[in-house]
Amino acid sequence: MKTIKNLRVSGLAPTGMTARSRVFVSLGIAVVVTALVVITALATPGSGIVSATVVARASFVDPVDMKLKTTGEHQEVLHAPDAQETVIQQVIIAPGGSTGWHSHPGPVVVLIKAGQLSFFSSEDPSCTPTIYSAGQAFIDPGQGHVHLARNLGSENVELWAVYFDVPAGGAFRLDAANPGNCGF
């Protein structure tokens, strides 16, 4: 195979890379860009979010191997073997508002301070919400679990979320496409 020297394609490939390697690098970049455009186009943004204030964000000083075990109908162990950052956020959702379909990189502890939240899971073919009221808390498993929260009540919902295992400086909310299991 012939090596092409001192040829740069938009500065993306190092000098001395073979022509075939340059094609693969270019194709790889095109696939990533296309995937990002498709994900953005299919994302379901929230609506009626009055505020979503990040109150604090911090990194663990010591290595943390976090495990949360839920019991009840859906028993599971959520494992974050090298928890990175933790983020605390206050979210207020107006009546009729929605978070849009999304996930989180790690587990999330959610506390309902006011109102009533309807929580829908992409994994539930019947699209039956779990209802959480003021004074209740729950754990969202994150780690790819796509869900949507709605305020179907007549007053604002105020919730506080503690996001665990967020990549350093990274997003704690990951937009997702509508999974199609609910009629909205």
Protein backbone atom coordinates (compact mmCIF):
# COMPACT_ATOMS: atom_id res chain seq x y z
CA MET A 1 0.00 0.00 0.00
CA LYS A 2 1.33 3.42 -0.94
CA THR A 3 1.79 5.99 1.83
CA ILE A 4 0.85 9.54 1.04
CA LYS A 5 3.05 12.01 2.88
CA ASN A 6 2.28 15.59 3.89
CA LEU A 7 -1.33 15.37 2.76
CA ARG A 8 -3.92 16.62 5.24
CA VAL A 9 -7.67 16.33 4.93
CA SER A 10 -9.04 19.28 6.92
CA GLY A 11 -6.26 18.70 9.44
CA LEU A 12 -7.97 15.53 10.72
CA ALA A 13 -5.43 12.87 9.78
CA PRO A 14 -1.78 12.76 10.76
CA THR A 15 1.00 13.05 8.21
CA GLY A 16 2.06 9.70 6.76
CA MET A 17 -1.37 8.08 7.02
CA THR A 18 -2.24 5.81 4.09
CA ALA A 19 -4.92 6.85 1.62
CA ARG A 20 -7.13 3.96 2.76
CA SER A 21 -6.79 5.03 6.40
CA ARG A 22 -7.74 8.58 5.45
CA VAL A 23 -10.91 7.30 3.79
CA PHE A 24 -11.83 5.33 6.94
CA VAL A 25 -11.15 8.36 9.15
CA SER A 26 -13.30 10.54 6.86
CA LEU A 27 -16.11 7.97 6.82
CA GLY A 28 -15.95 7.61 10.59
CA ILE A 29 -16.27 11.36 11.06
CA ALA A 30 -19.21 11.45 8.63
CA VAL A 31 -20.99 8.67 10.57
CA VAL A 32 -20.53 10.47 13.91
CA VAL A 33 -21.78 13.80 12.51
CA THR A 34 -24.79 12.08 10.89
CA ALA A 35 -25.63 10.28 14.15
CA LEU A 36 -25.52 13.56 16.09
CA VAL A 37 -27.80 15.26 13.56
CA VAL A 38 -30.30 12.36 13.68
CA ILE A 39 -30.31 12.25 17.51
CA THR A 40 -30.85 16.02 17.64
CA ALA A 41 -33.67 15.81 15.11
CA LEU A 42 -35.43 13.01 17.03
CA ALA A 43 -34.97 14.53 20.50
CA THR A 44 -38.13 15.45 22.36
CA PRO A 45 -37.52 18.74 24.17
CA GLY A 46 -39.24 19.62 27.41
CA SER A 47 -42.05 22.15 27.66
CA GLY A 48 -43.44 24.19 30.50
CA ILE A 49 -40.18 24.11 32.46
CA VAL A 50 -40.41 27.21 34.66
CA SER A 51 -36.83 26.84 35.88
CA ALA A 52 -34.06 24.25 36.01
CA THR A 53 -31.43 25.75 38.28
CA VAL A 54 -28.21 23.84 38.89
CA VAL A 55 -27.60 24.46 42.58
CA ALA A 56 -24.25 22.67 42.93
CA ARG A 57 -21.78 20.56 40.98
CA ALA A 58 -18.77 18.82 42.50
CA SER A 59 -16.29 16.00 41.90
CA PHE A 60 -15.57 13.29 44.42
CA VAL A 61 -12.16 13.75 46.06
CA ASP A 62 -11.72 10.05 46.82
CA PRO A 63 -12.60 7.23 44.39
CA VAL A 64 -16.24 6.19 44.86
CA ASP A 65 -17.76 2.82 43.98
CA MET A 66 -21.49 3.50 44.39
CA LYS A 67 -24.24 0.89 44.52
CA LEU A 68 -27.92 1.63 45.00
CA LYS A 69 -30.35 -1.26 45.42
CA THR A 70 -34.04 -0.79 44.78
CA THR A 71 -36.61 -3.30 45.95
CA GLY A 72 -40.29 -3.74 45.24
CA GLU A 73 -41.79 -4.34 41.82
CA HIS A 74 -38.58 -3.49 39.94
CA GLN A 75 -35.66 -4.83 41.95
CA GLU A 76 -32.28 -3.85 40.64
CA VAL A 77 -28.81 -2.86 41.72
CA LEU A 78 -27.52 0.33 40.16
CA HIS A 79 -23.74 0.37 40.01
CA ALA A 80 -21.46 3.33 39.35
CA PRO A 81 -17.98 1.77 39.79
CA ASP A 82 -16.09 5.06 39.43
CA ALA A 83 -18.61 7.81 40.23
CA GLN A 84 -17.33 11.08 38.86
CA GLU A 85 -19.28 14.29 39.43
CA THR A 86 -22.47 14.86 41.38
CA VAL A 87 -24.94 17.56 40.35
CA ILE A 88 -27.88 18.96 42.34
CA GLN A 89 -30.66 20.67 40.41
CA GLN A 90 -33.98 22.28 41.32
CA VAL A 91 -36.60 21.85 38.58
CA ILE A 92 -40.01 23.52 38.47
CA ILE A 93 -42.54 22.26 35.92
CA ALA A 94 -45.74 24.23 35.18
CA PRO A 95 -49.14 22.50 34.89
CA GLY A 96 -49.22 20.65 31.55
CA GLY A 97 -45.41 20.76 31.32
CA SER A 98 -43.10 17.89 30.47
CA THR A 99 -39.39 17.07 30.64
CA GLY A 100 -39.37 15.45 27.20
CA TRP A 101 -37.94 11.95 26.74
CA HIS A 102 -34.43 11.69 28.16
CA SER A 103 -31.97 9.63 30.20
CA HIS A 104 -29.04 10.29 32.53
CA PRO A 105 -25.46 8.92 32.59
CA GLY A 106 -25.87 7.59 36.14
CA PRO A 107 -28.50 7.09 38.84
CA VAL A 108 -30.61 10.02 40.03
CA VAL A 109 -32.30 10.51 43.40
CA VAL A 110 -35.42 12.67 42.93
CA LEU A 111 -37.27 14.42 45.77
CA ILE A 112 -40.71 15.92 45.14
CA LYS A 113 -41.03 19.13 47.14
CA ALA A 114 -44.37 20.37 45.78
CA GLY A 115 -47.10 19.15 43.44
CA GLN A 116 -47.54 15.77 41.81
CA LEU A 117 -45.25 14.26 39.14
CA SER A 118 -46.30 11.60 36.61
CA PHE A 119 -43.27 9.50 35.61
CA PHE A 120 -43.44 7.49 32.35
CA SER A 121 -40.93 4.79 31.39
CA SER A 122 -40.00 3.90 27.82
CA GLU A 123 -39.93 0.25 28.91
CA ASP A 124 -43.64 0.19 29.87
CA PRO A 125 -45.73 -0.83 26.84
CA SER A 126 -48.94 0.24 28.64
CA CYS A 127 -47.56 3.77 29.27
CA THR A 128 -48.92 3.77 32.82
CA PRO A 129 -47.31 6.52 34.89
CA THR A 130 -45.96 6.15 38.38
CA ILE A 131 -47.28 9.06 40.43
CA TYR A 132 -45.04 10.81 42.98
CA SER A 133 -46.42 13.48 45.33
CA ALA A 134 -44.90 16.15 47.57
CA GLY A 135 -42.80 14.54 50.31
CA GLN A 136 -41.97 11.44 48.26
CA ALA A 137 -38.67 10.45 46.68
CA PHE A 138 -37.59 7.88 44.10
CA ILE A 139 -34.54 6.64 42.25
CA ASP A 140 -34.28 6.92 38.49
CA PRO A 141 -31.77 4.27 37.39
CA GLY A 142 -30.25 6.43 34.64
CA GLN A 143 -27.60 4.53 32.68
CA GLY A 144 -29.70 4.55 29.51
CA HIS A 145 -33.18 4.29 31.10
CA VAL A 146 -35.28 6.56 28.88
CA HIS A 147 -38.21 8.28 30.60
CA LEU A 148 -40.40 11.36 30.64
CA ALA A 149 -41.96 13.26 33.56
CA ARG A 150 -45.16 15.30 33.24
CA ASN A 151 -47.08 17.67 35.44
CA LEU A 152 -50.70 16.62 34.94
CA GLY A 153 -51.85 18.60 37.99
CA SER A 154 -53.08 22.17 38.46
CA GLU A 155 -50.09 23.54 40.40
CA ASN A 156 -46.36 23.70 39.73
CA VAL A 157 -44.28 20.62 40.46
CA GLU A 158 -41.04 21.38 42.26
CA LEU A 159 -38.47 18.62 42.38
CA TRP A 160 -34.88 18.39 43.49
CA ALA A 161 -32.62 15.96 41.63
CA VAL A 162 -29.23 14.62 42.70
CA TYR A 163 -27.43 13.20 39.66
CA PHE A 164 -24.62 10.73 40.33
CA ASP A 165 -21.85 9.54 38.01
CA VAL A 166 -21.95 12.56 35.70
CA PRO A 167 -18.88 12.77 33.44
CA ALA A 168 -16.53 15.55 34.59
CA GLY A 169 -17.91 18.76 33.08
CA GLY A 170 -20.39 16.71 31.03
CA ALA A 171 -24.13 16.57 30.57
CA PHE A 172 -26.35 15.13 33.30
CA ARG A 173 -29.37 14.99 30.98
CA LEU A 174 -29.25 13.08 27.67
CA ASP A 175 -32.08 13.86 25.24
CA ALA A 176 -33.76 10.82 23.67
CA ALA A 177 -36.16 10.10 20.83
CA ASN A 178 -39.79 9.33 21.59
CA PRO A 179 -39.86 5.54 22.11
CA GLY A 180 -43.41 5.34 20.74
CA ASN A 181 -44.97 3.50 23.68
CA CYS A 182 -47.13 6.47 24.75
CA GLY A 183 -49.66 8.43 22.70
CA PHE A 184 -47.94 11.76 23.28
